[in-house]
Amino acid sequence: MKKLQILGTGCKKCLLLTEHVEAATEQLGLVCEIEKVTDLNTIIDMGVMVTPALVIDGKVVMSGKTSSPEEIKAILQNLG
């Protein structure tokens, strides 16, 4: 099971990224653990300076933008 983390303070873009991640995983039929990380110190410790960001299994795969569900599906499929 993949672990997906959405890093952000809860702004509108962060919430939209969460919706897109949930839609992408549902469309692919993936069972994933989705965690929202809002603690700024944790976000910085992960090397992210611009939110929202998406982390998959501990690897930052996107930062500073809200990707569409299609873009997120492509990322998930490329990571296997």
PDB file of N, CA and C in Angstrom:
ATOM      1  N   MET A   1       0.842  -1.172   0.000  1.00  0.00           N
ATOM      2  CA  MET A   1       0.000   0.000   0.000  1.00  0.00           C
ATOM      3  C   MET A   1       0.890   1.240   0.000  1.00  0.00           C
ATOM      4  N   LYS A   2       0.594   2.134  -0.904  1.00  0.00           N
ATOM      5  CA  LYS A   2       1.351   3.376  -0.996  1.00  0.00           C
ATOM      6  C   LYS A   2       0.891   4.340   0.082  1.00  0.00           C
ATOM      7  N   LYS A   3       1.859   5.141   0.557  1.00  0.00           N
ATOM      8  CA  LYS A   3       1.544   6.195   1.509  1.00  0.00           C
ATOM      9  C   LYS A   3       1.704   7.526   0.787  1.00  0.00           C
ATOM     10  N   LEU A   4       0.609   8.277   0.702  1.00  0.00           N
ATOM     11  CA  LEU A   4       0.610   9.578   0.070  1.00  0.00           C
ATOM     12  C   LEU A   4       0.439  10.638   1.143  1.00  0.00           C
ATOM     13  N   GLN A   5       1.282  11.652   1.085  1.00  0.00           N
ATOM     14  CA  GLN A   5       1.182  12.746   2.031  1.00  0.00           C
ATOM     15  C   GLN A   5       0.977  14.041   1.258  1.00  0.00           C
ATOM     16  N   ILE A   6       0.038  14.828   1.713  1.00  0.00           N
ATOM     17  CA  ILE A   6      -0.214  16.137   1.137  1.00  0.00           C
ATOM     18  C   ILE A   6       0.293  17.151   2.153  1.00  0.00           C
ATOM     19  N   LEU A   7       1.302  17.911   1.734  1.00  0.00           N
ATOM     20  CA  LEU A   7       1.911  18.875   2.625  1.00  0.00           C
ATOM     21  C   LEU A   7       1.339  20.251   2.358  1.00  0.00           C
ATOM     22  N   GLY A   8       0.882  20.910   3.402  1.00  0.00           N
ATOM     23  CA  GLY A   8       0.339  22.254   3.261  1.00  0.00           C
ATOM     24  C   GLY A   8      -0.391  22.673   4.523  1.00  0.00           C
ATOM     25  N   THR A   9      -0.620  23.955   4.614  1.00  0.00           N
ATOM     26  CA  THR A   9      -1.220  24.515   5.826  1.00  0.00           C
ATOM     27  C   THR A   9      -2.735  24.462   5.851  1.00  0.00           C
ATOM     28  N   GLY A  10      -3.337  23.976   4.797  1.00  0.00           N
ATOM     29  CA  GLY A  10      -4.787  23.887   4.746  1.00  0.00           C
ATOM     30  C   GLY A  10      -5.410  24.974   3.887  1.00  0.00           C
ATOM     31  N   CYS A  11      -4.602  25.609   3.064  1.00  0.00           N
ATOM     32  CA  CYS A  11      -5.099  26.657   2.172  1.00  0.00           C
ATOM     33  C   CYS A  11      -5.975  26.049   1.077  1.00  0.00           C
ATOM     34  N   LYS A  12      -6.579  26.920   0.286  1.00  0.00           N
ATOM     35  CA  LYS A  12      -7.475  26.469  -0.781  1.00  0.00           C
ATOM     36  C   LYS A  12      -6.767  25.534  -1.764  1.00  0.00           C
ATOM     37  N   LYS A  13      -5.518  25.847  -2.129  1.00  0.00           N
ATOM     38  CA  LYS A  13      -4.767  24.999  -3.055  1.00  0.00           C
ATOM     39  C   LYS A  13      -4.462  23.638  -2.439  1.00  0.00           C
ATOM     40  N   CYS A  14      -4.176  23.626  -1.152  1.00  0.00           N
ATOM     41  CA  CYS A  14      -3.882  22.360  -0.471  1.00  0.00           C
ATOM     42  C   CYS A  14      -5.123  21.470  -0.446  1.00  0.00           C
ATOM     43  N   LEU A  15      -6.261  22.077  -0.178  1.00  0.00           N
ATOM     44  CA  LEU A  15      -7.513  21.312  -0.168  1.00  0.00           C
ATOM     45  C   LEU A  15      -7.842  20.781  -1.554  1.00  0.00           C
ATOM     46  N   LEU A  16      -7.581  21.589  -2.585  1.00  0.00           N
ATOM     47  CA  LEU A  16      -7.827  21.149  -3.958  1.00  0.00           C
ATOM     48  C   LEU A  16      -6.906  19.990  -4.338  1.00  0.00           C
ATOM     49  N   LEU A  17      -5.640  20.067  -3.919  1.00  0.00           N
ATOM     50  CA  LEU A  17      -4.719  18.965  -4.188  1.00  0.00           C
ATOM     51  C   LEU A  17      -5.210  17.686  -3.512  1.00  0.00           C
ATOM     52  N   THR A  18      -5.712  17.808  -2.303  1.00  0.00           N
ATOM     53  CA  THR A  18      -6.249  16.640  -1.595  1.00  0.00           C
ATOM     54  C   THR A  18      -7.388  16.010  -2.393  1.00  0.00           C
ATOM     55  N   GLU A  19      -8.300  16.847  -2.890  1.00  0.00           N
ATOM     56  CA  GLU A  19      -9.414  16.337  -3.701  1.00  0.00           C
ATOM     57  C   GLU A  19      -8.898  15.634  -4.953  1.00  0.00           C
ATOM     58  N   HIS A  20      -7.892  16.217  -5.599  1.00  0.00           N
ATOM     59  CA  HIS A  20      -7.357  15.629  -6.826  1.00  0.00           C
ATOM     60  C   HIS A  20      -6.642  14.307  -6.553  1.00  0.00           C
ATOM     61  N   VAL A  21      -5.918  14.229  -5.450  1.00  0.00           N
ATOM     62  CA  VAL A  21      -5.233  12.981  -5.080  1.00  0.00           C
ATOM     63  C   VAL A  21      -6.271  11.894  -4.807  1.00  0.00           C
ATOM     64  N   GLU A  22      -7.309  12.236  -4.056  1.00  0.00           N
ATOM     65  CA  GLU A  22      -8.350  11.256  -3.756  1.00  0.00           C
ATOM     66  C   GLU A  22      -9.051  10.792  -5.033  1.00  0.00           C
ATOM     67  N   ALA A  23      -9.318  11.716  -5.953  1.00  0.00           N
ATOM     68  CA  ALA A  23      -9.961  11.350  -7.217  1.00  0.00           C
ATOM     69  C   ALA A  23      -9.053  10.447  -8.045  1.00  0.00           C
ATOM     70  N   ALA A  24      -7.774  10.773  -8.111  1.00  0.00           N
ATOM     71  CA  ALA A  24      -6.828   9.985  -8.909  1.00  0.00           C
ATOM     72  C   ALA A  24      -6.696   8.561  -8.376  1.00  0.00           C
ATOM     73  N   THR A  25      -6.569   8.426  -7.066  1.00  0.00           N
ATOM     74  CA  THR A  25      -6.419   7.080  -6.495  1.00  0.00           C
ATOM     75  C   THR A  25      -7.696   6.273  -6.682  1.00  0.00           C
ATOM     76  N   GLU A  26      -8.835   6.939  -6.564  1.00  0.00           N
ATOM     77  CA  GLU A  26     -10.113   6.242  -6.768  1.00  0.00           C
ATOM     78  C   GLU A  26     -10.255   5.788  -8.221  1.00  0.00           C
ATOM     79  N   GLN A  27      -9.907   6.662  -9.170  1.00  0.00           N
ATOM     80  CA  GLN A  27     -10.012   6.313 -10.585  1.00  0.00           C
ATOM     81  C   GLN A  27      -9.085   5.161 -10.959  1.00  0.00           C
ATOM     82  N   LEU A  28      -7.934   5.082 -10.303  1.00  0.00           N
ATOM     83  CA  LEU A  28      -6.989   3.993 -10.570  1.00  0.00           C
ATOM     84  C   LEU A  28      -7.316   2.731  -9.777  1.00  0.00           C
ATOM     85  N   GLY A  29      -8.231   2.851  -8.826  1.00  0.00           N
ATOM     86  CA  GLY A  29      -8.585   1.710  -7.993  1.00  0.00           C
ATOM     87  C   GLY A  29      -7.504   1.346  -6.993  1.00  0.00           C
ATOM     88  N   LEU A  30      -6.704   2.342  -6.589  1.00  0.00           N
ATOM     89  CA  LEU A  30      -5.617   2.104  -5.641  1.00  0.00           C
ATOM     90  C   LEU A  30      -6.102   2.264  -4.210  1.00  0.00           C
ATOM     91  N   VAL A  31      -5.602   1.406  -3.355  1.00  0.00           N
ATOM     92  CA  VAL A  31      -5.845   1.554  -1.933  1.00  0.00           C
ATOM     93  C   VAL A  31      -4.580   2.183  -1.359  1.00  0.00           C
ATOM     94  N   CYS A  32      -4.707   3.409  -0.884  1.00  0.00           N
ATOM     95  CA  CYS A  32      -3.558   4.157  -0.389  1.00  0.00           C
ATOM     96  C   CYS A  32      -3.881   4.767   0.963  1.00  0.00           C
ATOM     97  N   GLU A  33      -2.833   4.965   1.736  1.00  0.00           N
ATOM     98  CA  GLU A  33      -2.963   5.746   2.960  1.00  0.00           C
ATOM     99  C   GLU A  33      -2.703   7.196   2.566  1.00  0.00           C
ATOM    100  N   ILE A  34      -3.671   8.070   2.812  1.00  0.00           N
ATOM    101  CA  ILE A  34      -3.516   9.476   2.488  1.00  0.00           C
ATOM    102  C   ILE A  34      -3.471  10.261   3.789  1.00  0.00           C
ATOM    103  N   GLU A  35      -2.374  10.991   3.969  1.00  0.00           N
ATOM    104  CA  GLU A  35      -2.159  11.748   5.195  1.00  0.00           C
ATOM    105  C   GLU A  35      -1.960  13.222   4.844  1.00  0.00           C
ATOM    106  N   LYS A  36      -2.596  14.083   5.605  1.00  0.00           N
ATOM    107  CA  LYS A  36      -2.401  15.524   5.446  1.00  0.00           C
ATOM    108  C   LYS A  36      -1.396  15.982   6.493  1.00  0.00           C
ATOM    109  N   VAL A  37      -0.335  16.645   6.043  1.00  0.00           N
ATOM    110  CA  VAL A  37       0.696  17.142   6.938  1.00  0.00           C
ATOM    111  C   VAL A  37       0.623  18.663   6.935  1.00  0.00           C
ATOM    112  N   THR A  38       0.295  19.236   8.091  1.00  0.00           N
ATOM    113  CA  THR A  38       0.126  20.682   8.180  1.00  0.00           C
ATOM    114  C   THR A  38       1.185  21.359   9.040  1.00  0.00           C
ATOM    115  N   ASP A  39       1.983  20.595   9.749  1.00  0.00           N
ATOM    116  CA  ASP A  39       3.006  21.165  10.622  1.00  0.00           C
ATOM    117  C   ASP A  39       4.154  21.725   9.789  1.00  0.00           C
ATOM    118  N   LEU A  40       4.387  23.031   9.912  1.00  0.00           N
ATOM    119  CA  LEU A  40       5.407  23.691   9.091  1.00  0.00           C
ATOM    120  C   LEU A  40       6.802  23.128   9.305  1.00  0.00           C
ATOM    121  N   ASN A  41       7.148  22.796  10.547  1.00  0.00           N
ATOM    122  CA  ASN A  41       8.480  22.234  10.803  1.00  0.00           C
ATOM    123  C   ASN A  41       8.658  20.888  10.108  1.00  0.00           C
ATOM    124  N   THR A  42       7.632  20.066  10.109  1.00  0.00           N
ATOM    125  CA  THR A  42       7.688  18.772   9.422  1.00  0.00           C
ATOM    126  C   THR A  42       7.822  18.978   7.920  1.00  0.00           C
ATOM    127  N   ILE A  43       7.066  19.929   7.379  1.00  0.00           N
ATOM    128  CA  ILE A  43       7.113  20.220   5.944  1.00  0.00           C
ATOM    129  C   ILE A  43       8.520  20.673   5.551  1.00  0.00           C
ATOM    130  N   ILE A  44       9.096  21.568   6.326  1.00  0.00           N
ATOM    131  CA  ILE A  44      10.455  22.056   6.043  1.00  0.00           C
ATOM    132  C   ILE A  44      11.469  20.929   6.185  1.00  0.00           C
ATOM    133  N   ASP A  45      11.303  20.092   7.196  1.00  0.00           N
ATOM    134  CA  ASP A  45      12.219  18.958   7.400  1.00  0.00           C
ATOM    135  C   ASP A  45      12.194  17.990   6.210  1.00  0.00           C
ATOM    136  N   MET A  46      11.076  17.970   5.483  1.00  0.00           N
ATOM    137  CA  MET A  46      10.976  17.103   4.313  1.00  0.00           C
ATOM    138  C   MET A  46      11.581  17.770   3.073  1.00  0.00           C
ATOM    139  N   GLY A  47      12.094  18.989   3.242  1.00  0.00           N
ATOM    140  CA  GLY A  47      12.757  19.687   2.143  1.00  0.00           C
ATOM    141  C   GLY A  47      11.827  20.498   1.262  1.00  0.00           C
ATOM    142  N   VAL A  48      10.602  20.701   1.712  1.00  0.00           N
ATOM    143  CA  VAL A  48       9.620  21.438   0.918  1.00  0.00           C
ATOM    144  C   VAL A  48       9.567  22.878   1.391  1.00  0.00           C
ATOM    145  N   MET A  49       9.754  23.798   0.450  1.00  0.00           N
ATOM    146  CA  MET A  49       9.706  25.216   0.777  1.00  0.00           C
ATOM    147  C   MET A  49       8.461  25.891   0.212  1.00  0.00           C
ATOM    148  N   VAL A  50       7.793  25.245  -0.747  1.00  0.00           N
ATOM    149  CA  VAL A  50       6.596  25.801  -1.363  1.00  0.00           C
ATOM    150  C   VAL A  50       5.507  24.734  -1.340  1.00  0.00           C
ATOM    151  N   THR A  51       4.355  25.110  -0.803  1.00  0.00           N
ATOM    152  CA  THR A  51       3.231  24.183  -0.748  1.00  0.00           C
ATOM    153  C   THR A  51       2.151  24.639  -1.722  1.00  0.00           C
ATOM    154  N   PRO A  52       1.262  23.758  -2.085  1.00  0.00           N
ATOM    155  CA  PRO A  52       1.132  22.381  -1.620  1.00  0.00           C
ATOM    156  C   PRO A  52       2.183  21.480  -2.252  1.00  0.00           C
ATOM    157  N   ALA A  53       2.402  20.354  -1.598  1.00  0.00           N
ATOM    158  CA  ALA A  53       3.344  19.372  -2.115  1.00  0.00           C
ATOM    159  C   ALA A  53       2.746  17.981  -1.945  1.00  0.00           C
ATOM    160  N   LEU A  54       3.191  17.080  -2.800  1.00  0.00           N
ATOM    161  CA  LEU A  54       2.746  15.693  -2.742  1.00  0.00           C
ATOM    162  C   LEU A  54       3.960  14.808  -2.533  1.00  0.00           C
ATOM    163  N   VAL A  55       3.863  13.952  -1.522  1.00  0.00           N
ATOM    164  CA  VAL A  55       4.929  13.012  -1.192  1.00  0.00           C
ATOM    165  C   VAL A  55       4.361  11.608  -1.326  1.00  0.00           C
ATOM    166  N   ILE A  56       5.063  10.767  -2.065  1.00  0.00           N
ATOM    167  CA  ILE A  56       4.635   9.381  -2.239  1.00  0.00           C
ATOM    168  C   ILE A  56       5.736   8.481  -1.703  1.00  0.00           C
ATOM    169  N   ASP A  57       5.375   7.690  -0.707  1.00  0.00           N
ATOM    170  CA  ASP A  57       6.316   6.765  -0.059  1.00  0.00           C
ATOM    171  C   ASP A  57       7.618   7.469   0.332  1.00  0.00           C
ATOM    172  N   GLY A  58       7.494   8.664   0.912  1.00  0.00           N
ATOM    173  CA  GLY A  58       8.649   9.391   1.430  1.00  0.00           C
ATOM    174  C   GLY A  58       9.396  10.237   0.417  1.00  0.00           C
ATOM    175  N   LYS A  59       8.981  10.226  -0.845  1.00  0.00           N
ATOM    176  CA  LYS A  59       9.660  10.982  -1.897  1.00  0.00           C
ATOM    177  C   LYS A  59       8.773  12.138  -2.358  1.00  0.00           C
ATOM    178  N   VAL A  60       9.317  13.365  -2.314  1.00  0.00           N
ATOM    179  CA  VAL A  60       8.574  14.523  -2.800  1.00  0.00           C
ATOM    180  C   VAL A  60       8.509  14.430  -4.322  1.00  0.00           C
ATOM    181  N   VAL A  61       7.296  14.351  -4.855  1.00  0.00           N
ATOM    182  CA  VAL A  61       7.125  14.200  -6.305  1.00  0.00           C
ATOM    183  C   VAL A  61       6.567  15.456  -6.961  1.00  0.00           C
ATOM    184  N   MET A  62       6.088  16.392  -6.146  1.00  0.00           N
ATOM    185  CA  MET A  62       5.501  17.607  -6.685  1.00  0.00           C
ATOM    186  C   MET A  62       5.450  18.655  -5.594  1.00  0.00           C
ATOM    187  N   SER A  63       5.766  19.889  -5.960  1.00  0.00           N
ATOM    188  CA  SER A  63       5.748  20.963  -4.979  1.00  0.00           C
ATOM    189  C   SER A  63       5.389  22.280  -5.648  1.00  0.00           C
ATOM    190  N   GLY A  64       4.570  23.072  -4.959  1.00  0.00           N
ATOM    191  CA  GLY A  64       4.273  24.415  -5.414  1.00  0.00           C
ATOM    192  C   GLY A  64       3.163  24.548  -6.432  1.00  0.00           C
ATOM    193  N   LYS A  65       2.424  23.464  -6.683  1.00  0.00           N
ATOM    194  CA  LYS A  65       1.316  23.573  -7.622  1.00  0.00           C
ATOM    195  C   LYS A  65       0.248  22.548  -7.283  1.00  0.00           C
ATOM    196  N   THR A  66      -0.914  22.764  -7.858  1.00  0.00           N
ATOM    197  CA  THR A  66      -2.019  21.831  -7.693  1.00  0.00           C
ATOM    198  C   THR A  66      -2.189  21.094  -9.009  1.00  0.00           C
ATOM    199  N   SER A  67      -1.748  19.865  -9.057  1.00  0.00           N
ATOM    200  CA  SER A  67      -1.851  19.065 -10.279  1.00  0.00           C
ATOM    201  C   SER A  67      -3.270  18.539 -10.452  1.00  0.00           C
ATOM    202  N   SER A  68      -3.616  18.281 -11.692  1.00  0.00           N
ATOM    203  CA  SER A  68      -4.923  17.705 -11.998  1.00  0.00           C
ATOM    204  C   SER A  68      -4.917  16.225 -11.611  1.00  0.00           C
ATOM    205  N   PRO A  69      -6.104  15.641 -11.480  1.00  0.00           N
ATOM    206  CA  PRO A  69      -6.156  14.198 -11.208  1.00  0.00           C
ATOM    207  C   PRO A  69      -5.413  13.386 -12.274  1.00  0.00           C
ATOM    208  N   GLU A  70      -5.472  13.832 -13.538  1.00  0.00           N
ATOM    209  CA  GLU A  70      -4.792  13.110 -14.614  1.00  0.00           C
ATOM    210  C   GLU A  70      -3.266  13.149 -14.421  1.00  0.00           C
ATOM    211  N   GLU A  71      -2.738  14.295 -14.035  1.00  0.00           N
ATOM    212  CA  GLU A  71      -1.289  14.407 -13.787  1.00  0.00           C
ATOM    213  C   GLU A  71      -0.877  13.532 -12.611  1.00  0.00           C
ATOM    214  N   ILE A  72      -1.704  13.502 -11.580  1.00  0.00           N
ATOM    215  CA  ILE A  72      -1.398  12.689 -10.403  1.00  0.00           C
ATOM    216  C   ILE A  72      -1.462  11.203 -10.757  1.00  0.00           C
ATOM    217  N   LYS A  73      -2.445  10.820 -11.580  1.00  0.00           N
ATOM    218  CA  LYS A  73      -2.528   9.421 -12.018  1.00  0.00           C
ATOM    219  C   LYS A  73      -1.270   9.030 -12.773  1.00  0.00           C
ATOM    220  N   ALA A  74      -0.771   9.909 -13.636  1.00  0.00           N
ATOM    221  CA  ALA A  74       0.453   9.614 -14.390  1.00  0.00           C
ATOM    222  C   ALA A  74       1.636   9.425 -13.447  1.00  0.00           C
ATOM    223  N   ILE A  75       1.737  10.263 -12.436  1.00  0.00           N
ATOM    224  CA  ILE A  75       2.818  10.133 -11.450  1.00  0.00           C
ATOM    225  C   ILE A  75       2.724   8.792 -10.741  1.00  0.00           C
ATOM    226  N   LEU A  76       1.534   8.440 -10.299  1.00  0.00           N
ATOM    227  CA  LEU A  76       1.331   7.178  -9.580  1.00  0.00           C
ATOM    228  C   LEU A  76       1.646   5.977 -10.472  1.00  0.00           C
ATOM    229  N   GLN A  77       1.255   6.034 -11.732  1.00  0.00           N
ATOM    230  CA  GLN A  77       1.510   4.926 -12.640  1.00  0.00           C
ATOM    231  C   GLN A  77       2.992   4.798 -12.955  1.00  0.00           C
ATOM    232  N   ASN A  78       3.707   5.922 -13.055  1.00  0.00           N
ATOM    233  CA  ASN A  78       5.139   5.886 -13.352  1.00  0.00           C
ATOM    234  C   ASN A  78       5.947   5.363 -12.172  1.00  0.00           C
ATOM    235  N   LEU A  79       5.438   5.547 -10.966  1.00  0.00           N
ATOM    236  CA  LEU A  79       6.145   5.054  -9.785  1.00  0.00           C
ATOM    237  C   LEU A  79       5.870   3.578  -9.524  1.00  0.00           C
ATOM    238  N   GLY A  80       4.931   3.022 -10.288  1.00  0.00           N
ATOM    239  CA  GLY A  80       4.637   1.606 -10.165  1.00  0.00           C
ATOM    240  C   GLY A  80       3.817   1.336  -8.972  1.00  0.00           C
TER     241      GLY A  80
END
